[in-house]
Amino acid sequence: MDEIYSQQDGAPPHYGIIVRQYLNEVFQDRWIGRRGHIEWPPRSPDLIPLDFFLWGYLKSKVYATKPQNLDDLRGRITREIELIPPETYRNAVSAVYNRLAHCQAVEGQQFEHLL
């Protein structure tokens, strides 16, 4: 664990004192996030497939029509995740390397316009 970093964005659940205490205990000075040893940069580029692919993809599918209630919403999310072909996941994970290269080339600035 001495070489592993944890990355948290600015989402409220990631900012709770209990979460930060845990991160300080487990990762010490090796976590990136709000009030961490390494601050999460505002408007930083999305490098993780959940951020640059999955959330937007699910939103477009799940909200194609308005869910009737919370159970309908949960069911739609579950179904849409189950319908994603394995190749799509592989492509999203492979895209990480391309995104990292662009991020390095522009020294951490916005790079999505280069993709």
C-alpha atoms as a PDB file:
ATOM      1  CA  MET A   1       0.000   0.000   0.000  1.00  0.00           C
ATOM      2  CA  ASP A   2       2.985   2.338   0.327  1.00  0.00           C
ATOM      3  CA  GLU A   3       2.921   3.261  -3.358  1.00  0.00           C
ATOM      4  CA  ILE A   4      -0.842   3.405  -3.914  1.00  0.00           C
ATOM      5  CA  TYR A   5      -2.628   6.752  -4.075  1.00  0.00           C
ATOM      6  CA  SER A   6      -6.318   7.381  -3.549  1.00  0.00           C
ATOM      7  CA  GLN A   7      -8.114  10.006  -5.617  1.00  0.00           C
ATOM      8  CA  GLN A   8     -11.304  11.687  -4.407  1.00  0.00           C
ATOM      9  CA  ASP A   9     -13.126  14.398  -6.289  1.00  0.00           C
ATOM     10  CA  GLY A  10     -15.102  17.196  -4.695  1.00  0.00           C
ATOM     11  CA  ALA A  11     -18.325  15.213  -4.224  1.00  0.00           C
ATOM     12  CA  PRO A  12     -19.847  15.893  -0.780  1.00  0.00           C
ATOM     13  CA  PRO A  13     -19.628  12.237   0.375  1.00  0.00           C
ATOM     14  CA  HIS A  14     -15.869  12.306  -0.325  1.00  0.00           C
ATOM     15  CA  TYR A  15     -15.411  15.382   1.842  1.00  0.00           C
ATOM     16  CA  GLY A  16     -16.893  14.072   5.102  1.00  0.00           C
ATOM     17  CA  ILE A  17     -14.613  14.147   8.135  1.00  0.00           C
ATOM     18  CA  ILE A  18     -14.907  10.372   8.620  1.00  0.00           C
ATOM     19  CA  VAL A  19     -13.790   9.777   5.025  1.00  0.00           C
ATOM     20  CA  ARG A  20     -10.864  12.194   5.355  1.00  0.00           C
ATOM     21  CA  GLN A  21      -9.783  10.637   8.659  1.00  0.00           C
ATOM     22  CA  TYR A  22      -9.828   7.198   7.035  1.00  0.00           C
ATOM     23  CA  LEU A  23      -7.803   8.433   4.060  1.00  0.00           C
ATOM     24  CA  ASN A  24      -5.264  10.073   6.376  1.00  0.00           C
ATOM     25  CA  GLU A  25      -4.955   6.839   8.337  1.00  0.00           C
ATOM     26  CA  VAL A  26      -4.681   4.465   5.369  1.00  0.00           C
ATOM     27  CA  PHE A  27      -3.001   6.613   2.704  1.00  0.00           C
ATOM     28  CA  GLN A  28      -1.319   9.260   4.898  1.00  0.00           C
ATOM     29  CA  ASP A  29      -0.008  11.874   2.453  1.00  0.00           C
ATOM     30  CA  ARG A  30      -0.915   9.827  -0.628  1.00  0.00           C
ATOM     31  CA  TRP A  31      -4.473  10.905  -1.322  1.00  0.00           C
ATOM     32  CA  ILE A  32      -5.734  13.504  -3.741  1.00  0.00           C
ATOM     33  CA  GLY A  33      -8.847  15.440  -2.809  1.00  0.00           C
ATOM     34  CA  ARG A  34     -10.422  18.405  -1.122  1.00  0.00           C
ATOM     35  CA  ARG A  35      -8.510  19.228   2.085  1.00  0.00           C
ATOM     36  CA  GLY A  36      -6.101  16.390   1.344  1.00  0.00           C
ATOM     37  CA  HIS A  37      -2.332  16.530   1.180  1.00  0.00           C
ATOM     38  CA  ILE A  38      -2.678  16.903  -2.585  1.00  0.00           C
ATOM     39  CA  GLU A  39      -5.608  19.140  -3.520  1.00  0.00           C
ATOM     40  CA  TRP A  40      -8.037  18.012  -6.231  1.00  0.00           C
ATOM     41  CA  PRO A  41      -7.633  20.619  -8.995  1.00  0.00           C
ATOM     42  CA  PRO A  42     -10.868  22.391  -9.944  1.00  0.00           C
ATOM     43  CA  ARG A  43     -12.221  21.538 -13.396  1.00  0.00           C
ATOM     44  CA  SER A  44      -9.592  18.835 -13.740  1.00  0.00           C
ATOM     45  CA  PRO A  45      -9.825  16.522 -16.754  1.00  0.00           C
ATOM     46  CA  ASP A  46     -11.722  13.265 -16.393  1.00  0.00           C
ATOM     47  CA  LEU A  47      -9.300  10.349 -16.549  1.00  0.00           C
ATOM     48  CA  ILE A  48     -11.448   7.575 -15.103  1.00  0.00           C
ATOM     49  CA  PRO A  49     -13.892   5.615 -17.323  1.00  0.00           C
ATOM     50  CA  LEU A  50     -16.733   6.131 -14.854  1.00  0.00           C
ATOM     51  CA  ASP A  51     -16.373   9.878 -15.307  1.00  0.00           C
ATOM     52  CA  PHE A  52     -15.642  10.168 -19.027  1.00  0.00           C
ATOM     53  CA  PHE A  53     -17.919   7.358 -20.190  1.00  0.00           C
ATOM     54  CA  LEU A  54     -20.287   5.536 -17.870  1.00  0.00           C
ATOM     55  CA  TRP A  55     -22.186   8.303 -16.063  1.00  0.00           C
ATOM     56  CA  GLY A  56     -23.054  10.198 -19.253  1.00  0.00           C
ATOM     57  CA  TYR A  57     -23.883   7.005 -21.131  1.00  0.00           C
ATOM     58  CA  LEU A  58     -26.215   5.784 -18.382  1.00  0.00           C
ATOM     59  CA  LYS A  59     -27.886   9.161 -18.052  1.00  0.00           C
ATOM     60  CA  SER A  60     -28.676   9.252 -21.775  1.00  0.00           C
ATOM     61  CA  LYS A  61     -30.166   5.743 -21.677  1.00  0.00           C
ATOM     62  CA  VAL A  62     -31.957   5.877 -18.321  1.00  0.00           C
ATOM     63  CA  TYR A  63     -33.546   9.283 -18.914  1.00  0.00           C
ATOM     64  CA  ALA A  64     -34.549   8.706 -22.557  1.00  0.00           C
ATOM     65  CA  THR A  65     -38.028   8.910 -21.024  1.00  0.00           C
ATOM     66  CA  LYS A  66     -38.764  10.110 -17.522  1.00  0.00           C
ATOM     67  CA  PRO A  67     -38.701   7.306 -14.906  1.00  0.00           C
ATOM     68  CA  GLN A  68     -42.064   6.881 -13.190  1.00  0.00           C
ATOM     69  CA  ASN A  69     -40.645   6.445  -9.689  1.00  0.00           C
ATOM     70  CA  LEU A  70     -37.519   5.473  -7.755  1.00  0.00           C
ATOM     71  CA  ASP A  71     -38.015   1.739  -8.337  1.00  0.00           C
ATOM     72  CA  ASP A  72     -38.346   2.344 -12.076  1.00  0.00           C
ATOM     73  CA  LEU A  73     -35.157   4.429 -11.993  1.00  0.00           C
ATOM     74  CA  ARG A  74     -33.236   1.711 -10.145  1.00  0.00           C
ATOM     75  CA  GLY A  75     -34.498  -0.940 -12.542  1.00  0.00           C
ATOM     76  CA  ARG A  76     -33.485   1.105 -15.579  1.00  0.00           C
ATOM     77  CA  ILE A  77     -29.989   1.677 -14.216  1.00  0.00           C
ATOM     78  CA  THR A  78     -29.546  -2.030 -13.498  1.00  0.00           C
ATOM     79  CA  ARG A  79     -30.851  -3.058 -16.931  1.00  0.00           C
ATOM     80  CA  GLU A  80     -28.729  -0.560 -18.832  1.00  0.00           C
ATOM     81  CA  ILE A  81     -25.565  -1.632 -17.028  1.00  0.00           C
ATOM     82  CA  GLU A  82     -26.347  -5.280 -17.801  1.00  0.00           C
ATOM     83  CA  LEU A  83     -26.862  -4.407 -21.492  1.00  0.00           C
ATOM     84  CA  ILE A  84     -23.452  -2.787 -21.975  1.00  0.00           C
ATOM     85  CA  PRO A  85     -21.362  -5.158 -24.113  1.00  0.00           C
ATOM     86  CA  PRO A  86     -17.986  -6.253 -22.659  1.00  0.00           C
ATOM     87  CA  GLU A  87     -16.248  -4.712 -25.684  1.00  0.00           C
ATOM     88  CA  THR A  88     -17.588  -1.296 -24.678  1.00  0.00           C
ATOM     89  CA  TYR A  89     -15.994  -1.653 -21.241  1.00  0.00           C
ATOM     90  CA  ARG A  90     -12.709  -2.736 -22.828  1.00  0.00           C
ATOM     91  CA  ASN A  91     -12.762   0.297 -25.117  1.00  0.00           C
ATOM     92  CA  ALA A  92     -13.404   2.654 -22.199  1.00  0.00           C
ATOM     93  CA  VAL A  93     -10.533   1.180 -20.190  1.00  0.00           C
ATOM     94  CA  SER A  94      -8.224   1.319 -23.230  1.00  0.00           C
ATOM     95  CA  ALA A  95      -9.114   4.985 -23.702  1.00  0.00           C
ATOM     96  CA  VAL A  96      -7.519   5.758 -20.335  1.00  0.00           C
ATOM     97  CA  TYR A  97      -4.034   5.480 -21.863  1.00  0.00           C
ATOM     98  CA  ASN A  98      -4.900   7.910 -24.651  1.00  0.00           C
ATOM     99  CA  ARG A  99      -6.405  10.335 -22.156  1.00  0.00           C
ATOM    100  CA  LEU A 100      -3.351  10.091 -19.883  1.00  0.00           C
ATOM    101  CA  ALA A 101      -1.029  10.837 -22.814  1.00  0.00           C
ATOM    102  CA  HIS A 102      -3.064  13.932 -23.744  1.00  0.00           C
ATOM    103  CA  CYS A 103      -3.185  15.032 -20.108  1.00  0.00           C
ATOM    104  CA  GLN A 104       0.603  14.757 -19.868  1.00  0.00           C
ATOM    105  CA  ALA A 105       1.118  16.594 -23.155  1.00  0.00           C
ATOM    106  CA  VAL A 106      -0.850  19.615 -21.911  1.00  0.00           C
ATOM    107  CA  GLU A 107       0.606  19.393 -18.383  1.00  0.00           C
ATOM    108  CA  GLY A 108      -2.692  18.610 -16.690  1.00  0.00           C
ATOM    109  CA  GLN A 109      -4.781  21.273 -18.407  1.00  0.00           C
ATOM    110  CA  GLN A 110      -8.039  20.581 -20.244  1.00  0.00           C
ATOM    111  CA  PHE A 111      -7.492  18.217 -23.160  1.00  0.00           C
ATOM    112  CA  GLU A 112     -10.928  16.891 -24.114  1.00  0.00           C
ATOM    113  CA  HIS A 113     -10.927  19.160 -27.180  1.00  0.00           C
ATOM    114  CA  LEU A 114      -7.895  17.189 -28.446  1.00  0.00           C
ATOM    115  CA  LEU A 115      -9.673  13.830 -28.414  1.00  0.00           C
END
